[in-house]
Amino acid sequence: MLVRNNSKQEVIDKIASLLEDIEFGTLQITIHDSQVTQIEKSEKYRFAFNKGNEETQGKKK
């Protein structure tokens, strides 16, 4: 998506919006000639891995 003629406030608002929506991951901001030219968002989804079944979880053997 190409967005033209963004004001500084629009860029700040976009970055803030992306930060609010991400739980784990990164935002990469690319700057050319003191202007933000690109923002990349990478998200990670983490899943808990539990050994055994629910009956044995938390119980010592």
PDB file of N, CA and C in Angstrom:
ATOM      1  N   MET A   1       0.844  -1.180   0.000  1.00  0.00           N
ATOM      2  CA  MET A   1       0.000   0.000   0.000  1.00  0.00           C
ATOM      3  C   MET A   1       0.884   1.236   0.000  1.00  0.00           C
ATOM      4  N   LEU A   2       0.747   2.066  -0.960  1.00  0.00           N
ATOM      5  CA  LEU A   2       1.520   3.295  -1.070  1.00  0.00           C
ATOM      6  C   LEU A   2       0.682   4.452  -0.560  1.00  0.00           C
ATOM      7  N   VAL A   3       1.236   5.178   0.403  1.00  0.00           N
ATOM      8  CA  VAL A   3       0.541   6.340   0.965  1.00  0.00           C
ATOM      9  C   VAL A   3       1.398   7.555   0.659  1.00  0.00           C
ATOM     10  N   ARG A   4       0.788   8.573   0.109  1.00  0.00           N
ATOM     11  CA  ARG A   4       1.538   9.776  -0.279  1.00  0.00           C
ATOM     12  C   ARG A   4       1.211  10.950   0.633  1.00  0.00           C
ATOM     13  N   ASN A   5       2.177  11.864   0.757  1.00  0.00           N
ATOM     14  CA  ASN A   5       1.989  13.136   1.438  1.00  0.00           C
ATOM     15  C   ASN A   5       1.486  12.993   2.878  1.00  0.00           C
ATOM     16  N   ASN A   6       2.108  12.098   3.636  1.00  0.00           N
ATOM     17  CA  ASN A   6       1.746  11.967   5.047  1.00  0.00           C
ATOM     18  C   ASN A   6       2.335  13.110   5.849  1.00  0.00           C
ATOM     19  N   SER A   7       1.552  13.635   6.776  1.00  0.00           N
ATOM     20  CA  SER A   7       2.088  14.614   7.709  1.00  0.00           C
ATOM     21  C   SER A   7       2.843  13.867   8.803  1.00  0.00           C
ATOM     22  N   LYS A   8       3.652  14.580   9.551  1.00  0.00           N
ATOM     23  CA  LYS A   8       4.383  13.948  10.653  1.00  0.00           C
ATOM     24  C   LYS A   8       3.413  13.333  11.647  1.00  0.00           C
ATOM     25  N   GLN A   9       2.296  14.003  11.912  1.00  0.00           N
ATOM     26  CA  GLN A   9       1.327  13.487  12.866  1.00  0.00           C
ATOM     27  C   GLN A   9       0.683  12.198  12.366  1.00  0.00           C
ATOM     28  N   GLU A  10       0.440  12.075  11.064  1.00  0.00           N
ATOM     29  CA  GLU A  10      -0.120  10.841  10.507  1.00  0.00           C
ATOM     30  C   GLU A  10       0.848   9.671  10.683  1.00  0.00           C
ATOM     31  N   VAL A  11       2.136   9.930  10.499  1.00  0.00           N
ATOM     32  CA  VAL A  11       3.146   8.885  10.673  1.00  0.00           C
ATOM     33  C   VAL A  11       3.206   8.473  12.142  1.00  0.00           C
ATOM     34  N   ILE A  12       3.203   9.439  13.044  1.00  0.00           N
ATOM     35  CA  ILE A  12       3.224   9.152  14.477  1.00  0.00           C
ATOM     36  C   ILE A  12       1.983   8.357  14.874  1.00  0.00           C
ATOM     37  N   ASP A  13       0.823   8.748  14.371  1.00  0.00           N
ATOM     38  CA  ASP A  13      -0.419   8.032  14.671  1.00  0.00           C
ATOM     39  C   ASP A  13      -0.373   6.594  14.159  1.00  0.00           C
ATOM     40  N   LYS A  14       0.188   6.381  12.971  1.00  0.00           N
ATOM     41  CA  LYS A  14       0.287   5.039  12.406  1.00  0.00           C
ATOM     42  C   LYS A  14       1.204   4.169  13.262  1.00  0.00           C
ATOM     43  N   ILE A  15       2.339   4.712  13.664  1.00  0.00           N
ATOM     44  CA  ILE A  15       3.272   3.963  14.506  1.00  0.00           C
ATOM     45  C   ILE A  15       2.608   3.616  15.840  1.00  0.00           C
ATOM     46  N   ALA A  16       1.923   4.570  16.442  1.00  0.00           N
ATOM     47  CA  ALA A  16       1.230   4.326  17.715  1.00  0.00           C
ATOM     48  C   ALA A  16       0.172   3.243  17.556  1.00  0.00           C
ATOM     49  N   SER A  17      -0.568   3.277  16.466  1.00  0.00           N
ATOM     50  CA  SER A  17      -1.606   2.277  16.204  1.00  0.00           C
ATOM     51  C   SER A  17      -1.006   0.878  16.073  1.00  0.00           C
ATOM     52  N   LEU A  18       0.094   0.770  15.347  1.00  0.00           N
ATOM     53  CA  LEU A  18       0.759  -0.524  15.175  1.00  0.00           C
ATOM     54  C   LEU A  18       1.298  -1.046  16.504  1.00  0.00           C
ATOM     55  N   LEU A  19       1.833  -0.153  17.337  1.00  0.00           N
ATOM     56  CA  LEU A  19       2.344  -0.559  18.638  1.00  0.00           C
ATOM     57  C   LEU A  19       1.238  -1.073  19.553  1.00  0.00           C
ATOM     58  N   GLU A  20       0.067  -0.469  19.467  1.00  0.00           N
ATOM     59  CA  GLU A  20      -1.060  -0.899  20.300  1.00  0.00           C
ATOM     60  C   GLU A  20      -1.544  -2.291  19.917  1.00  0.00           C
ATOM     61  N   ASP A  21      -1.413  -2.652  18.652  1.00  0.00           N
ATOM     62  CA  ASP A  21      -1.951  -3.910  18.143  1.00  0.00           C
ATOM     63  C   ASP A  21      -0.988  -5.086  18.205  1.00  0.00           C
ATOM     64  N   ILE A  22       0.255  -4.871  18.628  1.00  0.00           N
ATOM     65  CA  ILE A  22       1.234  -5.945  18.597  1.00  0.00           C
ATOM     66  C   ILE A  22       1.559  -6.396  20.030  1.00  0.00           C
ATOM     67  N   GLU A  23       1.544  -7.711  20.247  1.00  0.00           N
ATOM     68  CA  GLU A  23       1.866  -8.259  21.566  1.00  0.00           C
ATOM     69  C   GLU A  23       3.317  -8.735  21.614  1.00  0.00           C
ATOM     70  N   PHE A  24       3.737  -9.486  20.600  1.00  0.00           N
ATOM     71  CA  PHE A  24       5.122  -9.941  20.465  1.00  0.00           C
ATOM     72  C   PHE A  24       5.542  -9.676  19.031  1.00  0.00           C
ATOM     73  N   GLY A  25       6.690  -9.053  18.837  1.00  0.00           N
ATOM     74  CA  GLY A  25       7.162  -8.827  17.480  1.00  0.00           C
ATOM     75  C   GLY A  25       8.024  -7.585  17.387  1.00  0.00           C
ATOM     76  N   THR A  26       8.150  -7.069  16.156  1.00  0.00           N
ATOM     77  CA  THR A  26       9.000  -5.909  15.923  1.00  0.00           C
ATOM     78  C   THR A  26       8.328  -4.936  14.953  1.00  0.00           C
ATOM     79  N   LEU A  27       8.686  -3.674  15.100  1.00  0.00           N
ATOM     80  CA  LEU A  27       8.367  -2.652  14.105  1.00  0.00           C
ATOM     81  C   LEU A  27       9.705  -2.138  13.586  1.00  0.00           C
ATOM     82  N   GLN A  28       9.844  -2.097  12.284  1.00  0.00           N
ATOM     83  CA  GLN A  28      11.060  -1.569  11.678  1.00  0.00           C
ATOM     84  C   GLN A  28      10.670  -0.327  10.894  1.00  0.00           C
ATOM     85  N   ILE A  29      11.305   0.787  11.225  1.00  0.00           N
ATOM     86  CA  ILE A  29      10.989   2.063  10.579  1.00  0.00           C
ATOM     87  C   ILE A  29      12.165   2.442   9.692  1.00  0.00           C
ATOM     88  N   THR A  30      11.898   2.628   8.400  1.00  0.00           N
ATOM     89  CA  THR A  30      12.928   3.000   7.434  1.00  0.00           C
ATOM     90  C   THR A  30      12.832   4.494   7.160  1.00  0.00           C
ATOM     91  N   ILE A  31      13.981   5.174   7.203  1.00  0.00           N
ATOM     92  CA  ILE A  31      14.033   6.624   7.032  1.00  0.00           C
ATOM     93  C   ILE A  31      15.002   6.955   5.901  1.00  0.00           C
ATOM     94  N   HIS A  32      14.596   7.851   5.003  1.00  0.00           N
ATOM     95  CA  HIS A  32      15.448   8.389   3.937  1.00  0.00           C
ATOM     96  C   HIS A  32      15.326   9.898   3.961  1.00  0.00           C
ATOM     97  N   ASP A  33      16.457  10.580   3.934  1.00  0.00           N
ATOM     98  CA  ASP A  33      16.481  12.051   3.948  1.00  0.00           C
ATOM     99  C   ASP A  33      15.606  12.622   5.058  1.00  0.00           C
ATOM    100  N   SER A  34      15.752  12.063   6.257  1.00  0.00           N
ATOM    101  CA  SER A  34      15.030  12.506   7.454  1.00  0.00           C
ATOM    102  C   SER A  34      13.516  12.332   7.379  1.00  0.00           C
ATOM    103  N   GLN A  35      13.047  11.477   6.473  1.00  0.00           N
ATOM    104  CA  GLN A  35      11.618  11.221   6.326  1.00  0.00           C
ATOM    105  C   GLN A  35      11.353   9.725   6.487  1.00  0.00           C
ATOM    106  N   VAL A  36      10.279   9.375   7.206  1.00  0.00           N
ATOM    107  CA  VAL A  36       9.878   7.979   7.310  1.00  0.00           C
ATOM    108  C   VAL A  36       9.338   7.556   5.948  1.00  0.00           C
ATOM    109  N   THR A  37       9.944   6.512   5.367  1.00  0.00           N
ATOM    110  CA  THR A  37       9.506   6.060   4.051  1.00  0.00           C
ATOM    111  C   THR A  37       8.817   4.705   4.092  1.00  0.00           C
ATOM    112  N   GLN A  38       9.017   3.976   5.196  1.00  0.00           N
ATOM    113  CA  GLN A  38       8.451   2.623   5.247  1.00  0.00           C
ATOM    114  C   GLN A  38       8.371   2.168   6.697  1.00  0.00           C
ATOM    115  N   ILE A  39       7.321   1.425   7.012  1.00  0.00           N
ATOM    116  CA  ILE A  39       7.178   0.789   8.321  1.00  0.00           C
ATOM    117  C   ILE A  39       6.851  -0.676   8.070  1.00  0.00           C
ATOM    118  N   GLU A  40       7.637  -1.570   8.690  1.00  0.00           N
ATOM    119  CA  GLU A  40       7.379  -3.004   8.571  1.00  0.00           C
ATOM    120  C   GLU A  40       7.031  -3.551   9.942  1.00  0.00           C
ATOM    121  N   LYS A  41       5.991  -4.393   9.989  1.00  0.00           N
ATOM    122  CA  LYS A  41       5.576  -5.011  11.241  1.00  0.00           C
ATOM    123  C   LYS A  41       5.701  -6.521  11.105  1.00  0.00           C
ATOM    124  N   SER A  42       6.396  -7.136  12.069  1.00  0.00           N
ATOM    125  CA  SER A  42       6.492  -8.597  12.136  1.00  0.00           C
ATOM    126  C   SER A  42       5.906  -9.021  13.473  1.00  0.00           C
ATOM    127  N   GLU A  43       4.980  -9.960  13.429  1.00  0.00           N
ATOM    128  CA  GLU A  43       4.369 -10.435  14.664  1.00  0.00           C
ATOM    129  C   GLU A  43       4.772 -11.874  14.929  1.00  0.00           C
ATOM    130  N   LYS A  44       4.844 -12.196  16.205  1.00  0.00           N
ATOM    131  CA  LYS A  44       5.114 -13.565  16.626  1.00  0.00           C
ATOM    132  C   LYS A  44       3.928 -14.021  17.450  1.00  0.00           C
ATOM    133  N   TYR A  45       3.557 -15.248  17.255  1.00  0.00           N
ATOM    134  CA  TYR A  45       2.486 -15.845  18.041  1.00  0.00           C
ATOM    135  C   TYR A  45       3.104 -16.953  18.866  1.00  0.00           C
ATOM    136  N   ARG A  46       2.912 -16.891  20.171  1.00  0.00           N
ATOM    137  CA  ARG A  46       3.520 -17.866  21.071  1.00  0.00           C
ATOM    138  C   ARG A  46       2.447 -18.775  21.636  1.00  0.00           C
ATOM    139  N   PHE A  47       2.797 -20.044  21.730  1.00  0.00           N
ATOM    140  CA  PHE A  47       1.885 -21.051  22.237  1.00  0.00           C
ATOM    141  C   PHE A  47       2.564 -21.790  23.380  1.00  0.00           C
ATOM    142  N   ALA A  48       1.835 -22.002  24.461  1.00  0.00           N
ATOM    143  CA  ALA A  48       2.372 -22.751  25.589  1.00  0.00           C
ATOM    144  C   ALA A  48       2.377 -24.230  25.235  1.00  0.00           C
ATOM    145  N   PHE A  49       3.450 -24.903  25.610  1.00  0.00           N
ATOM    146  CA  PHE A  49       3.552 -26.334  25.398  1.00  0.00           C
ATOM    147  C   PHE A  49       3.601 -26.995  26.758  1.00  0.00           C
ATOM    148  N   ASN A  50       2.612 -27.818  27.044  1.00  0.00           N
ATOM    149  CA  ASN A  50       2.538 -28.500  28.329  1.00  0.00           C
ATOM    150  C   ASN A  50       2.697 -29.998  28.119  1.00  0.00           C
ATOM    151  N   LYS A  51       3.680 -30.580  28.804  1.00  0.00           N
ATOM    152  CA  LYS A  51       3.845 -32.031  28.743  1.00  0.00           C
ATOM    153  C   LYS A  51       2.801 -32.683  29.634  1.00  0.00           C
ATOM    154  N   GLY A  52       2.360 -33.857  29.264  1.00  0.00           N
ATOM    155  CA  GLY A  52       1.390 -34.591  30.068  1.00  0.00           C
ATOM    156  C   GLY A  52      -0.024 -34.093  29.816  1.00  0.00           C
ATOM    157  N   ASN A  53      -0.943 -34.653  30.570  1.00  0.00           N
ATOM    158  CA  ASN A  53      -2.322 -34.223  30.402  1.00  0.00           C
ATOM    159  C   ASN A  53      -2.736 -33.316  31.550  1.00  0.00           C
ATOM    160  N   GLU A  54      -3.955 -32.849  31.541  1.00  0.00           N
ATOM    161  CA  GLU A  54      -4.424 -31.906  32.550  1.00  0.00           C
ATOM    162  C   GLU A  54      -4.439 -32.509  33.942  1.00  0.00           C
ATOM    163  N   GLU A  55      -4.643 -33.809  34.075  1.00  0.00           N
ATOM    164  CA  GLU A  55      -4.713 -34.450  35.382  1.00  0.00           C
ATOM    165  C   GLU A  55      -3.365 -34.414  36.103  1.00  0.00           C
ATOM    166  N   THR A  56      -2.258 -34.433  35.346  1.00  0.00           N
ATOM    167  CA  THR A  56      -0.934 -34.503  35.995  1.00  0.00           C
ATOM    168  C   THR A  56      -0.260 -33.137  36.079  1.00  0.00           C
ATOM    169  N   GLN A  57      -0.819 -32.136  35.473  1.00  0.00           N
ATOM    170  CA  GLN A  57      -0.178 -30.827  35.518  1.00  0.00           C
ATOM    171  C   GLN A  57      -0.214 -30.272  36.936  1.00  0.00           C
ATOM    172  N   GLY A  58       0.932 -29.778  37.374  1.00  0.00           N
ATOM    173  CA  GLY A  58       1.015 -29.175  38.685  1.00  0.00           C
ATOM    174  C   GLY A  58       1.184 -30.172  39.823  1.00  0.00           C
ATOM    175  N   LYS A  59       1.148 -31.451  39.550  1.00  0.00           N
ATOM    176  CA  LYS A  59       1.301 -32.469  40.597  1.00  0.00           C
ATOM    177  C   LYS A  59       2.711 -33.037  40.534  1.00  0.00           C
ATOM    178  N   LYS A  60       3.305 -33.228  41.703  1.00  0.00           N
ATOM    179  CA  LYS A  60       4.619 -33.860  41.774  1.00  0.00           C
ATOM    180  C   LYS A  60       4.468 -35.365  41.751  1.00  0.00           C
ATOM    181  N   LYS A  61       5.415 -36.027  41.119  1.00  0.00           N
ATOM    182  CA  LYS A  61       5.392 -37.495  41.078  1.00  0.00           C
ATOM    183  C   LYS A  61       6.212 -38.059  42.191  1.00  0.00           C
TER     184      LYS A  61
END
